[in-house]
C-alpha atoms as a PDB file:
ATOM      1  CA  MET A   1      -0.106  -0.202  -0.044  1.00  0.00           C
ATOM      2  CA  SER A   2       1.452   3.428  -0.844  1.00  0.00           C
ATOM      3  CA  VAL A   3       2.183   6.016   1.959  1.00  0.00           C
ATOM      4  CA  ILE A   4       3.149   9.791   1.764  1.00  0.00           C
ATOM      5  CA  LEU A   5       6.646  10.257   2.410  1.00  0.00           C
ATOM      6  CA  PHE A   6       7.174  14.098   1.726  1.00  0.00           C
ATOM      7  CA  ARG A   7       4.753  16.871   0.975  1.00  0.00           C
ATOM      8  CA  LEU A   8       6.174  19.070  -1.614  1.00  0.00           C
ATOM      9  CA  ARG A   9       4.090  22.221  -1.358  1.00  0.00           C
ATOM     10  CA  GLY A  10       6.201  25.404  -0.553  1.00  0.00           C
ATOM     11  CA  VAL A  11       9.360  23.065  -1.093  1.00  0.00           C
ATOM     12  CA  PRO A  12      12.126  24.638  -3.501  1.00  0.00           C
ATOM     13  CA  ASP A  13      12.626  22.800  -6.549  1.00  0.00           C
ATOM     14  CA  ASP A  14      16.254  22.201  -5.636  1.00  0.00           C
ATOM     15  CA  GLU A  15      15.574  20.589  -2.765  1.00  0.00           C
ATOM     16  CA  THR A  16      12.705  18.400  -4.353  1.00  0.00           C
ATOM     17  CA  ASP A  17      15.176  17.383  -6.837  1.00  0.00           C
ATOM     18  CA  GLU A  18      17.885  16.399  -4.447  1.00  0.00           C
ATOM     19  CA  ILE A  19      15.327  14.214  -2.614  1.00  0.00           C
ATOM     20  CA  ARG A  20      14.458  12.587  -5.844  1.00  0.00           C
ATOM     21  CA  GLU A  21      18.062  11.587  -6.423  1.00  0.00           C
ATOM     22  CA  LEU A  22      18.514  10.529  -2.828  1.00  0.00           C
ATOM     23  CA  LEU A  23      15.601   8.022  -3.281  1.00  0.00           C
ATOM     24  CA  ARG A  24      16.803   6.966  -6.590  1.00  0.00           C
ATOM     25  CA  LYS A  25      20.386   6.297  -5.473  1.00  0.00           C
ATOM     26  CA  ASN A  26      19.048   4.453  -2.404  1.00  0.00           C
ATOM     27  CA  GLU A  27      16.971   2.383  -4.917  1.00  0.00           C
ATOM     28  CA  ILE A  28      13.676   3.322  -3.275  1.00  0.00           C
ATOM     29  CA  ASP A  29      10.690   3.170  -5.361  1.00  0.00           C
ATOM     30  CA  PHE A  30       8.460   6.226  -5.223  1.00  0.00           C
ATOM     31  CA  TYR A  31       6.016   8.532  -7.487  1.00  0.00           C
ATOM     32  CA  GLU A  32       5.042  12.063  -7.248  1.00  0.00           C
ATOM     33  CA  THR A  33       1.426  13.660  -7.290  1.00  0.00           C
ATOM     34  CA  SER A  34       1.238  17.228  -8.264  1.00  0.00           C
ATOM     35  CA  ALA A  35      -0.793  20.016  -7.090  1.00  0.00           C
ATOM     36  CA  GLY A  36      -3.331  19.475 -10.014  1.00  0.00           C
ATOM     37  CA  ASN A  37      -4.602  22.167 -12.541  1.00  0.00           C
ATOM     38  CA  TRP A  38      -5.936  24.515  -9.882  1.00  0.00           C
ATOM     39  CA  GLY A  39      -3.350  23.819  -7.238  1.00  0.00           C
ATOM     40  CA  ILE A  40      -5.568  22.461  -4.454  1.00  0.00           C
ATOM     41  CA  SER A  41      -4.385  18.794  -4.440  1.00  0.00           C
ATOM     42  CA  MET A  42      -1.484  17.838  -2.425  1.00  0.00           C
ATOM     43  CA  PRO A  43       1.648  17.760  -4.152  1.00  0.00           C
ATOM     44  CA  ALA A  44       4.010  14.987  -2.610  1.00  0.00           C
ATOM     45  CA  ILE A  45       6.338  12.211  -2.936  1.00  0.00           C
ATOM     46  CA  TRP A  46       4.768   8.787  -2.142  1.00  0.00           C
ATOM     47  CA  LEU A  47       6.405   5.424  -1.448  1.00  0.00           C
ATOM     48  CA  ARG A  48       4.866   2.479  -3.423  1.00  0.00           C
ATOM     49  CA  ASP A  49       6.079   0.105  -0.516  1.00  0.00           C
ATOM     50  CA  ASN A  50       5.685   0.986   3.101  1.00  0.00           C
ATOM     51  CA  SER A  51       8.036  -1.427   4.134  1.00  0.00           C
ATOM     52  CA  ARG A  52      10.793   0.904   3.386  1.00  0.00           C
ATOM     53  CA  LEU A  53       9.165   4.106   4.912  1.00  0.00           C
ATOM     54  CA  GLU A  54      11.475   3.892   8.173  1.00  0.00           C
ATOM     55  CA  GLN A  55      14.606   3.804   5.964  1.00  0.00           C
ATOM     56  CA  ALA A  56      13.311   6.597   3.754  1.00  0.00           C
ATOM     57  CA  LYS A  57      12.346   8.929   6.648  1.00  0.00           C
ATOM     58  CA  HIS A  58      15.699   8.360   7.889  1.00  0.00           C
ATOM     59  CA  LEU A  59      17.514   9.263   4.894  1.00  0.00           C
ATOM     60  CA  ILE A  60      15.629  12.398   4.327  1.00  0.00           C
ATOM     61  CA  GLU A  61      16.146  13.449   8.126  1.00  0.00           C
ATOM     62  CA  VAL A  62      19.822  13.205   7.795  1.00  0.00           C
ATOM     63  CA  TYR A  63      19.517  14.988   4.191  1.00  0.00           C
ATOM     64  CA  GLN A  64      17.710  17.815   5.747  1.00  0.00           C
ATOM     65  CA  GLU A  65      19.960  18.247   8.532  1.00  0.00           C
ATOM     66  CA  GLU A  66      22.878  18.559   5.978  1.00  0.00           C
ATOM     67  CA  ARG A  67      20.941  20.866   3.967  1.00  0.00           C
ATOM     68  CA  THR A  68      20.034  23.220   6.941  1.00  0.00           C
ATOM     69  CA  SER A  69      23.694  23.458   8.010  1.00  0.00           C
ATOM     70  CA  ARG A  70      24.669  23.978   4.325  1.00  0.00           C
ATOM     71  CA  MET A  71      22.085  26.828   3.848  1.00  0.00           C
ATOM     72  CA  LYS A  72      22.744  28.319   7.099  1.00  0.00           C
ATOM     73  CA  GLY A  73      26.259  28.389   6.074  1.00  0.00           C
ATOM     74  CA  GLU A  74      25.670  30.173   2.668  1.00  0.00           C
ATOM     75  CA  TYR A  75      23.682  32.715   4.436  1.00  0.00           C
ATOM     76  CA  ALA A  76      26.467  33.662   6.516  1.00  0.00           C
ATOM     77  CA  ARG A  77      29.028  33.724   3.735  1.00  0.00           C
ATOM     78  CA  LEU A  78      26.598  35.911   1.576  1.00  0.00           C
ATOM     79  CA  LYS A  79      25.976  37.973   4.837  1.00  0.00           C
ATOM     80  CA  GLU A  80      29.603  38.362   5.440  1.00  0.00           C
ATOM     81  CA  LEU A  81      30.295  39.582   1.492  1.00  0.00           C
ATOM     82  CA  GLY A  82      27.263  42.015   1.984  1.00  0.00           C
ATOM     83  CA  GLU A  83      25.507  40.025  -0.663  1.00  0.00           C
ATOM     84  CA  ASN A  84      22.385  38.941   1.075  1.00  0.00           C
ATOM     85  CA  ARG A  85      19.342  40.040  -0.052  1.00  0.00           C
ATOM     86  CA  THR A  86      17.617  42.540   2.534  1.00  0.00           C
ATOM     87  CA  LEU A  87      14.097  44.205   2.606  1.00  0.00           C
ATOM     88  CA  PHE A  88      15.663  47.351   1.046  1.00  0.00           C
ATOM     89  CA  ASP A  89      17.063  45.469  -1.815  1.00  0.00           C
ATOM     90  CA  ILE A  90      13.514  44.079  -2.400  1.00  0.00           C
ATOM     91  CA  PHE A  91      11.982  47.649  -2.281  1.00  0.00           C
ATOM     92  CA  ARG A  92      14.777  48.903  -4.759  1.00  0.00           C
ATOM     93  CA  GLU A  93      14.223  45.927  -7.131  1.00  0.00           C
ATOM     94  CA  ASP A  94      10.466  46.553  -7.402  1.00  0.00           C
ATOM     95  CA  PRO A  95       9.295  49.842  -5.481  1.00  0.00           C
ATOM     96  CA  LEU A  96       5.682  49.698  -6.993  1.00  0.00           C
ATOM     97  CA  ARG A  97       4.935  46.114  -5.584  1.00  0.00           C
ATOM     98  CA  MET A  98       6.404  47.051  -2.352  1.00  0.00           C
ATOM     99  CA  LEU A  99       3.987  49.974  -1.918  1.00  0.00           C
ATOM    100  CA  LEU A 100       1.236  48.141  -3.005  1.00  0.00           C
ATOM    101  CA  TYR A 101       2.181  45.376  -0.389  1.00  0.00           C
ATOM    102  CA  VAL A 102       2.213  48.092   2.281  1.00  0.00           C
ATOM    103  CA  ALA A 103      -0.895  49.731   1.193  1.00  0.00           C
ATOM    104  CA  ALA A 104      -2.855  46.531   1.040  1.00  0.00           C
ATOM    105  CA  VAL A 105      -1.494  45.745   4.766  1.00  0.00           C
ATOM    106  CA  ALA A 106      -2.386  49.284   5.949  1.00  0.00           C
ATOM    107  CA  ALA A 107      -5.830  48.832   4.398  1.00  0.00           C
ATOM    108  CA  ILE A 108      -6.409  45.278   6.315  1.00  0.00           C
ATOM    109  CA  LEU A 109      -5.169  47.052   9.498  1.00  0.00           C
ATOM    110  CA  TYR A 110      -7.481  49.687   9.058  1.00  0.00           C
ATOM    111  CA  PHE A 111     -10.467  47.808   8.334  1.00  0.00           C
ATOM    112  CA  SER A 112      -9.765  45.402  11.261  1.00  0.00           C
ATOM    113  CA  VAL A 113      -9.216  47.966  13.679  1.00  0.00           C
ATOM    114  CA  MET A 114     -11.633  50.707  12.962  1.00  0.00           C
ATOM    115  CA  PRO A 115     -14.845  48.699  14.156  1.00  0.00           C
ATOM    116  CA  PHE A 116     -13.331  48.737  17.780  1.00  0.00           C
ATOM    117  CA  LEU A 117     -12.455  52.421  17.878  1.00  0.00           C
ATOM    118  CA  ASP A 118     -14.861  54.869  19.036  1.00  0.00           C
ATOM    119  CA  LEU A 119     -14.134  58.289  17.558  1.00  0.00           C
ATOM    120  CA  GLY A 120     -16.392  60.667  18.733  1.00  0.00           C
ATOM    121  CA  GLY A 121     -19.469  58.895  18.026  1.00  0.00           C
END
């Protein structure tokens, strides 16, 4: 019976590729499901044989620990070189989009708080 191994929603493509390669290298039979046409289904990697579930989970756990330390090292390196992407960089790249986001947040806050404020009424 098939069993879900790894949910792919929000997972970067490079991480998904590395997990696929890890499973192939260890000869673990799997298949994938996509989010579907409207993006509401569960994109995931499934095992065809649940007898290898513990082994696959262990492999992914070890991989994710290694990836976490690798990504933290990369971030520290970029920060040290002054090349990490900051909020100001995002604003500089697309100021109109950033202003629209700020306006949307301000509107949401306004409409969320106004009913609770009694301004002279």
